[in-house]
Amino acid sequence: MPPVCHCLPDQVAHCCPARRWRCRRTTGHSSRSAIRDPRDRRGRRHSLVSVLLTACCAVLAGARSYLAVGQWARHAPLDALARLGVRAAGPLGVRRAPSSSTIRRHLTLVCPGGLADLLGCDPAGTRHLAVDGKAARGSRTDTGPAAHLLSAVLEGGRTVSQLRVPDKTTEVTGFTKLLAPFSLAGVVVTADALHTHRDHARWLVEAKKAHYLLVVKRNQPALHDALRSLPWKKVTARRYDREAGHGRRETRSVRTLTVTGLGLDFPHVAQAAKIHRYRTDLKTGKITRETVYAITDLTAPEASPQAIGQLARAHWGIEAVHHVRDTTFGEDASKIRTGHGPENMATLRSFAISTLRTAGHHSIAAGLREVSYTPFTRPLELIGLP
């Protein structure tokens, strides 16, 4: 039986997987009214807010599982529990931290859409937004596939939101549902070739007043062949960048060409780009070459070859977030499978990454180590608890 959806009446437009999609906050709601408590009113010992704050702080301190979050809560001092909103009970006013089972029950039942929006960043006024998907491999069961999560990430690794793609569908069906609640005027949205769809481009430009930079590969053969046949050798608008790191030396060249009036069959397209990458492995000397084509509605005055190269490069920031969730937080090894647990724990990990990035930590592993030295004060300071 799928988990029960506990969305508010005005949040059913994009519901969580129990109704095929997730819920969304609507403008004007306070943060606490964004998520409805999934529990029965009887027997509540801990408020939903206190449990979620406890989970956020525990993950910021390095917790990877329900058990680890519960252990962090059990060892938290009374002043930390008071700041987290854990209520005092009994004649002596003793504060009892939520147990591992209580935390598991909350994160399994709470609506993932509301939690992702509540902990995400606002993309309004930013320059770039990347969209990509990732599978939480450890959530696979004998009867069902792994949870596939579609995310939107800003520059610097700050996550806007995410949703779980329903089983037996693809990321394409969730693209507009993921971005619909947000103001994207003037934001450049980048995505890989899977999302290079005419409907997506038209929706971004016409409905959201945004821009797009989309990769074109052979999954769209006609469009790919049309881009390959453009007169790239005659292009004078070029940009070269060289850098070394991670055991390799890389040279990138970006050529851009205005295609307005050339009959390229794609909505609002103004420029095409050819990105050529040369990579040399410093240890083995092996050289690899890769050519990527991209299209955008940005005109030549709005986006030079340098700007397009930077946007294409910035798109890989979302891959860095997914890599950190795998390596530093052990997401692929996590066996959290039931209910909304996989997507809610992924949201908490993304929130921890965003918080540490905002605090100035370039290395998330180093940031977690620093937080672990004062595990019951530093996480609360990072999320702004008084």
Protein backbone atom coordinates (compact mmCIF):
# COMPACT_ATOMS: atom_id res chain seq x y z
CA MET A 1 0.00 0.00 0.00
CA PRO A 2 1.46 3.42 -0.90
CA PRO A 3 2.03 5.92 1.91
CA VAL A 4 -0.89 8.17 2.75
CA CYS A 5 -0.69 11.73 1.48
CA HIS A 6 -1.15 14.36 4.17
CA CYS A 7 -1.20 17.46 1.96
CA LEU A 8 -3.20 20.52 2.86
CA PRO A 9 -6.36 21.10 0.77
CA ASP A 10 -4.65 23.86 -1.26
CA GLN A 11 -1.54 21.77 -1.94
CA VAL A 12 -2.98 19.00 -4.07
CA ALA A 13 -2.04 20.50 -7.44
CA HIS A 14 1.36 18.78 -7.35
CA CYS A 15 0.91 16.07 -4.81
CA CYS A 16 3.35 13.56 -3.42
CA PRO A 17 3.75 10.03 -4.86
CA ALA A 18 0.66 8.75 -3.05
CA ARG A 19 -1.30 10.81 -5.61
CA ARG A 20 1.36 10.43 -8.31
CA TRP A 21 3.01 13.76 -7.56
CA ARG A 22 4.10 15.88 -4.68
CA CYS A 23 2.60 18.75 -2.80
CA ARG A 24 3.80 22.32 -3.15
CA ARG A 25 3.73 25.34 -0.93
CA THR A 26 1.56 28.17 -2.13
CA THR A 27 2.63 31.77 -1.85
CA GLY A 28 1.60 33.38 1.38
CA HIS A 29 1.77 30.38 3.69
CA SER A 30 4.08 30.47 6.67
CA SER A 31 6.82 27.87 6.90
CA ARG A 32 5.07 25.95 9.65
CA SER A 33 1.77 25.75 7.79
CA ALA A 34 3.55 24.37 4.73
CA ILE A 35 3.62 20.82 6.10
CA ARG A 36 0.70 19.08 7.71
CA ASP A 37 1.41 16.80 10.64
CA PRO A 38 0.74 13.23 9.40
CA ARG A 39 0.07 11.79 12.85
CA ASP A 40 -3.18 11.27 14.68
CA ARG A 41 -3.91 14.03 17.20
CA ARG A 42 -3.95 11.61 20.10
CA GLY A 43 -0.71 10.68 21.83
CA ARG A 44 1.55 13.30 20.31
CA ARG A 45 4.55 13.84 22.55
CA HIS A 46 6.74 15.79 20.13
CA SER A 47 5.76 18.53 17.72
CA LEU A 48 6.45 18.02 14.02
CA VAL A 49 8.65 21.12 13.96
CA SER A 50 10.88 19.88 16.78
CA VAL A 51 11.35 16.48 15.14
CA LEU A 52 12.24 17.99 11.76
CA LEU A 53 14.65 20.48 13.35
CA THR A 54 16.27 17.62 15.24
CA ALA A 55 16.74 15.67 12.01
CA CYS A 56 18.18 18.71 10.21
CA CYS A 57 20.73 19.37 12.94
CA ALA A 58 21.70 15.70 13.26
CA VAL A 59 22.36 15.38 9.52
CA LEU A 60 24.40 18.60 9.67
CA ALA A 61 26.46 16.90 12.38
CA GLY A 62 27.07 13.91 10.09
CA ALA A 63 24.18 11.53 10.82
CA ARG A 64 23.37 9.21 7.91
CA SER A 65 20.48 7.09 9.18
CA TYR A 66 17.42 7.17 11.41
CA LEU A 67 19.41 5.43 14.14
CA ALA A 68 22.20 8.00 13.93
CA VAL A 69 19.71 10.87 14.11
CA GLY A 70 18.13 9.27 17.17
CA GLN A 71 21.53 8.82 18.84
CA TRP A 72 22.36 12.48 18.24
CA ALA A 73 19.03 13.50 19.79
CA ARG A 74 19.50 11.18 22.77
CA HIS A 75 22.86 12.75 23.63
CA ALA A 76 21.75 16.36 23.04
CA PRO A 77 21.89 18.50 26.21
CA LEU A 78 18.77 20.06 27.64
CA ASP A 79 19.57 23.55 26.38
CA ALA A 80 19.90 22.22 22.82
CA LEU A 81 16.58 20.37 23.14
CA ALA A 82 14.95 23.57 24.37
CA ARG A 83 16.25 25.47 21.32
CA LEU A 84 14.90 22.69 19.09
CA GLY A 85 11.43 23.11 20.56
CA VAL A 86 11.27 19.82 22.45
CA ARG A 87 8.61 20.43 25.08
CA ALA A 88 9.11 20.01 28.78
CA ALA A 89 6.94 17.32 30.37
CA GLY A 90 6.12 16.24 33.90
CA PRO A 91 6.26 18.16 37.15
CA LEU A 92 10.03 18.62 36.83
CA GLY A 93 9.85 19.91 33.30
CA VAL A 94 12.16 17.25 31.85
CA ARG A 95 12.74 17.37 28.08
CA ARG A 96 12.87 13.98 26.40
CA ALA A 97 14.37 13.84 22.93
CA PRO A 98 12.46 12.03 20.17
CA SER A 99 13.57 8.43 19.73
CA SER A 100 14.91 6.83 16.57
CA SER A 101 11.56 5.14 15.93
CA THR A 102 9.71 8.45 16.32
CA ILE A 103 12.08 10.15 13.89
CA ARG A 104 11.74 7.28 11.42
CA ARG A 105 7.95 7.41 11.63
CA HIS A 106 7.92 11.17 10.98
CA LEU A 107 10.31 11.07 8.01
CA THR A 108 8.46 8.11 6.53
CA LEU A 109 5.09 9.83 6.65
CA VAL A 110 5.72 13.57 6.23
CA CYS A 111 4.93 14.92 2.76
CA PRO A 112 8.20 15.14 0.78
CA GLY A 113 7.01 18.01 -1.38
CA GLY A 114 6.38 20.33 1.52
CA LEU A 115 9.67 19.38 3.20
CA ALA A 116 11.71 19.92 0.03
CA ASP A 117 10.16 23.32 -0.60
CA LEU A 118 10.50 24.33 3.05
CA LEU A 119 14.24 23.53 3.17
CA GLY A 120 15.05 24.70 -0.36
CA CYS A 121 16.45 28.00 -1.61
CA ASP A 122 14.51 30.61 -3.55
CA PRO A 123 15.74 30.86 -7.18
CA ALA A 124 14.21 34.29 -7.82
CA GLY A 125 16.83 36.75 -9.01
CA THR A 126 19.58 34.19 -9.48
CA ARG A 127 21.54 33.74 -12.69
CA HIS A 128 21.50 30.00 -13.25
CA LEU A 129 19.49 26.92 -12.29
CA ALA A 130 20.46 23.34 -13.17
CA VAL A 131 18.02 20.42 -13.40
CA ASP A 132 19.08 16.78 -13.25
CA GLY A 133 18.02 13.47 -11.75
CA LYS A 134 19.62 10.85 -9.53
CA ALA A 135 18.65 7.38 -8.32
CA ALA A 136 19.01 6.45 -4.64
CA ARG A 137 20.29 2.97 -5.44
CA GLY A 138 20.04 1.60 -1.93
CA SER A 139 16.26 2.15 -1.85
CA ARG A 140 15.64 -0.61 -4.41
CA THR A 141 13.47 -3.46 -3.16
CA ASP A 142 12.61 -6.92 -4.45
CA THR A 143 9.31 -5.60 -5.79
CA GLY A 144 10.14 -2.04 -6.77
CA PRO A 145 12.88 0.05 -8.38
CA ALA A 146 15.09 2.53 -6.59
CA ALA A 147 13.68 5.97 -5.85
CA HIS A 148 14.55 8.34 -8.69
CA LEU A 149 14.83 11.96 -7.57
CA LEU A 150 14.72 14.99 -9.87
CA SER A 151 16.47 18.04 -8.40
CA ALA A 152 16.92 21.73 -9.16
CA VAL A 153 20.19 23.25 -7.91
CA LEU A 154 21.56 26.80 -7.96
CA GLU A 155 25.15 27.85 -8.48
CA GLY A 156 27.25 27.06 -5.47
CA GLY A 157 25.46 23.77 -4.78
CA ARG A 158 22.34 25.19 -3.09
CA THR A 159 19.28 23.02 -3.73
CA VAL A 160 15.97 24.66 -4.67
CA SER A 161 13.74 21.60 -4.49
CA GLN A 162 13.34 18.03 -5.60
CA LEU A 163 10.61 15.53 -6.37
CA ARG A 164 10.44 11.79 -6.71
CA VAL A 165 9.73 10.63 -10.23
CA PRO A 166 6.87 8.09 -10.15
CA ASP A 167 7.80 4.53 -11.06
CA LYS A 168 7.48 3.55 -14.72
CA THR A 169 7.91 7.16 -15.86
CA THR A 170 10.92 9.32 -16.74
CA GLU A 171 12.36 12.62 -15.56
CA VAL A 172 10.73 14.35 -18.53
CA THR A 173 7.29 14.14 -16.94
CA GLY A 174 8.50 15.91 -13.81
CA PHE A 175 10.37 18.86 -15.34
CA THR A 176 7.55 21.40 -15.31
CA LYS A 177 6.11 20.09 -12.02
CA LEU A 178 9.46 20.62 -10.32
CA LEU A 179 9.86 24.24 -11.46
CA ALA A 180 6.24 25.40 -11.64
CA PRO A 181 5.92 26.91 -8.13
CA PHE A 182 8.95 29.20 -8.47
CA SER A 183 9.57 32.60 -10.03
CA LEU A 184 12.17 32.07 -12.78
CA ALA A 185 12.05 35.41 -14.59
CA GLY A 186 15.48 36.03 -16.11
CA VAL A 187 16.95 32.76 -14.80
CA VAL A 188 18.88 30.55 -17.24
CA VAL A 189 17.76 26.93 -16.81
CA THR A 190 20.22 24.26 -17.96
CA ALA A 191 19.49 20.57 -18.42
CA ASP A 192 20.95 17.56 -20.17
CA ALA A 193 19.77 16.08 -23.45
CA LEU A 194 16.93 14.14 -21.84
CA HIS A 195 15.09 17.41 -21.19
CA THR A 196 15.71 18.99 -24.59
CA HIS A 197 12.05 19.06 -25.50
CA ARG A 198 10.14 21.68 -27.44
CA ASP A 199 7.38 21.83 -24.84
CA HIS A 200 9.90 22.46 -22.07
CA ALA A 201 11.59 25.28 -23.99
CA ARG A 202 8.29 26.88 -24.89
CA TRP A 203 7.04 26.63 -21.30
CA LEU A 204 10.22 28.18 -19.86
CA VAL A 205 10.24 31.15 -22.21
CA GLU A 206 6.52 31.85 -22.51
CA ALA A 207 5.11 30.82 -19.13
CA LYS A 208 8.04 31.38 -16.76
CA LYS A 209 9.83 34.23 -18.62
CA ALA A 210 13.07 32.30 -18.17
CA HIS A 211 15.90 31.34 -20.54
CA TYR A 212 17.25 27.92 -21.43
CA LEU A 213 20.54 26.29 -22.41
CA LEU A 214 19.87 22.71 -23.47
CA VAL A 215 22.26 20.02 -24.66
CA VAL A 216 21.45 18.25 -27.93
CA LYS A 217 22.59 14.66 -28.48
CA ARG A 218 21.69 11.83 -30.81
CA ASN A 219 18.45 11.07 -29.00
CA GLN A 220 17.12 13.85 -31.26
CA PRO A 221 18.81 12.87 -34.54
CA ALA A 222 17.22 15.49 -36.80
CA LEU A 223 18.10 18.39 -34.50
CA HIS A 224 21.57 16.97 -33.83
CA ASP A 225 22.30 16.59 -37.55
CA ALA A 226 21.06 20.12 -38.20
CA LEU A 227 23.48 21.48 -35.60
CA ARG A 228 26.38 19.45 -36.95
CA SER A 229 25.79 20.79 -40.45
CA LEU A 230 26.10 24.44 -39.41
CA PRO A 231 29.16 26.31 -40.78
CA TRP A 232 31.25 26.02 -37.63
CA LYS A 233 34.58 26.47 -39.42
CA LYS A 234 33.59 29.99 -40.41
CA VAL A 235 32.58 31.03 -36.89
CA THR A 236 34.69 33.80 -35.42
CA ALA A 237 32.95 34.04 -32.03
CA ARG A 238 35.12 31.69 -29.98
CA ARG A 239 36.36 31.23 -26.45
CA TYR A 240 39.23 29.07 -25.16
CA ASP A 241 39.72 28.04 -21.52
CA ARG A 242 42.46 25.90 -20.00
CA GLU A 243 42.70 24.45 -16.53
CA ALA A 244 44.40 21.64 -14.64
CA GLY A 245 43.13 19.65 -11.69
CA HIS A 246 41.88 16.27 -10.51
CA GLY A 247 44.82 14.60 -12.25
CA ARG A 248 44.07 15.95 -15.71
CA ARG A 249 44.61 18.94 -17.94
CA GLU A 250 41.62 20.22 -19.90
CA THR A 251 41.19 22.64 -22.78
CA ARG A 252 37.69 23.79 -23.77
CA SER A 253 36.72 25.71 -26.85
CA VAL A 254 33.29 27.27 -27.28
CA ARG A 255 31.94 28.50 -30.61
CA THR A 256 28.59 30.22 -30.87
CA LEU A 257 26.50 30.95 -33.93
CA THR A 258 23.30 32.96 -34.31
CA VAL A 259 20.73 30.66 -35.90
CA THR A 260 17.74 32.99 -36.11
CA GLY A 261 16.32 32.67 -39.60
CA LEU A 262 18.19 29.44 -40.41
CA GLY A 263 15.08 27.31 -39.97
CA LEU A 264 16.26 25.39 -36.93
CA ASP A 265 13.15 23.59 -35.69
CA PHE A 266 13.11 24.53 -32.01
CA PRO A 267 11.03 27.12 -30.13
CA HIS A 268 12.64 30.51 -29.46
CA VAL A 269 16.15 29.29 -30.34
CA ALA A 270 18.54 32.20 -31.00
CA GLN A 271 22.03 30.71 -30.74
CA ALA A 272 23.72 27.35 -31.13
CA ALA A 273 26.96 26.42 -29.42
CA LYS A 274 29.64 23.86 -30.18
CA ILE A 275 31.68 22.92 -27.13
CA HIS A 276 34.86 20.93 -27.72
CA ARG A 277 36.74 19.41 -24.79
CA TYR A 278 40.30 18.04 -24.86
CA ARG A 279 41.35 16.17 -21.74
CA THR A 280 44.82 14.81 -21.00
CA ASP A 281 45.37 12.39 -18.15
CA LEU A 282 48.52 13.63 -16.41
CA LYS A 283 49.40 10.15 -15.16
CA THR A 284 48.88 8.05 -18.28
CA GLY A 285 49.06 10.72 -20.98
CA LYS A 286 45.81 9.49 -22.51
CA ILE A 287 43.94 12.14 -24.51
CA THR A 288 40.16 12.15 -24.85
CA ARG A 289 38.06 14.45 -27.03
CA GLU A 290 34.39 15.25 -26.72
CA THR A 291 32.10 17.49 -28.76
CA VAL A 292 28.81 18.72 -27.35
CA TYR A 293 26.16 20.84 -29.06
CA ALA A 294 23.79 23.12 -27.20
CA ILE A 295 21.00 25.56 -28.03
CA THR A 296 19.73 28.63 -26.20
CA ASP A 297 17.21 31.40 -26.56
CA LEU A 298 19.82 33.93 -25.41
CA THR A 299 20.93 36.24 -28.21
CA ALA A 300 24.55 37.09 -28.98
CA PRO A 301 24.43 40.42 -27.06
CA GLU A 302 22.92 38.60 -24.06
CA ALA A 303 25.37 35.68 -23.98
CA SER A 304 28.88 35.66 -25.41
CA PRO A 305 30.84 32.43 -26.02
CA GLN A 306 32.47 32.98 -22.65
CA ALA A 307 29.10 33.27 -20.88
CA ILE A 308 27.73 30.18 -22.59
CA GLY A 309 30.86 28.24 -21.68
CA GLN A 310 30.47 29.31 -18.05
CA LEU A 311 26.81 28.27 -18.00
CA ALA A 312 27.64 24.88 -19.50
CA ARG A 313 30.39 24.43 -16.96
CA ALA A 314 28.15 25.54 -14.08
CA HIS A 315 25.61 22.86 -14.95
CA TRP A 316 27.98 20.24 -13.60
CA GLY A 317 27.55 21.77 -10.15
CA ILE A 318 24.45 19.62 -9.72
CA GLU A 319 26.56 16.53 -10.41
CA ALA A 320 28.89 17.68 -7.64
CA VAL A 321 25.94 17.81 -5.21
CA HIS A 322 24.91 14.28 -6.18
CA HIS A 323 28.51 13.10 -5.82
CA VAL A 324 28.75 14.57 -2.31
CA ARG A 325 25.50 12.91 -1.29
CA ASP A 326 26.90 9.59 -2.48
CA THR A 327 30.43 9.79 -1.12
CA THR A 328 30.15 11.97 1.99
CA PHE A 329 26.65 10.99 3.15
CA GLY A 330 26.61 7.45 1.73
CA GLU A 331 23.27 7.89 -0.02
CA ASP A 332 23.65 5.00 -2.45
CA ALA A 333 24.60 2.67 0.41
CA SER A 334 21.62 3.76 2.53
CA LYS A 335 18.95 1.08 2.94
CA ILE A 336 16.15 3.52 3.74
CA ARG A 337 13.31 2.25 1.54
CA THR A 338 9.87 2.61 3.07
CA GLY A 339 7.32 5.37 2.60
CA HIS A 340 8.70 8.83 1.87
CA GLY A 341 11.93 8.03 3.70
CA PRO A 342 14.31 7.96 0.68
CA GLU A 343 13.27 11.35 -0.67
CA ASN A 344 13.00 13.03 2.76
CA MET A 345 16.47 11.87 3.81
CA ALA A 346 17.82 13.05 0.45
CA THR A 347 16.21 16.43 1.14
CA LEU A 348 17.93 16.61 4.53
CA ARG A 349 21.30 15.79 2.93
CA SER A 350 20.81 18.46 0.28
CA PHE A 351 19.82 20.93 3.00
CA ALA A 352 23.01 20.16 4.89
CA ILE A 353 25.08 20.73 1.74
CA SER A 354 23.31 24.03 1.01
CA THR A 355 23.77 25.20 4.61
CA LEU A 356 27.48 24.38 4.65
CA ARG A 357 28.00 26.02 1.25
CA THR A 358 26.26 29.15 2.48
CA ALA A 359 28.51 29.13 5.55
CA GLY A 360 31.56 29.23 3.28
CA HIS A 361 32.67 25.58 3.31
CA HIS A 362 34.03 24.53 -0.09
CA SER A 363 34.62 20.97 1.12
CA ILE A 364 31.51 19.40 2.60
CA ALA A 365 33.52 16.62 4.25
CA ALA A 366 35.71 19.22 5.98
CA GLY A 367 32.61 21.20 6.96
CA LEU A 368 31.01 18.15 8.55
CA ARG A 369 34.20 17.46 10.50
CA GLU A 370 34.23 21.02 11.80
CA VAL A 371 30.57 20.79 12.84
CA SER A 372 31.23 17.46 14.56
CA TYR A 373 33.64 19.13 17.00
CA THR A 374 30.69 21.01 18.56
CA PRO A 375 27.76 18.83 17.41
CA PHE A 376 25.12 20.32 19.71
CA THR A 377 25.81 24.02 19.16
CA ARG A 378 27.22 24.56 15.68
CA PRO A 379 24.32 22.93 13.72
CA LEU A 380 21.79 25.06 15.58
CA GLU A 381 23.80 28.20 14.82
CA LEU A 382 24.05 27.31 11.13
CA ILE A 383 20.27 27.04 10.71
CA GLY A 384 19.71 30.21 12.76
CA LEU A 385 18.01 28.84 15.86
CA PRO A 386 17.99 31.39 18.71
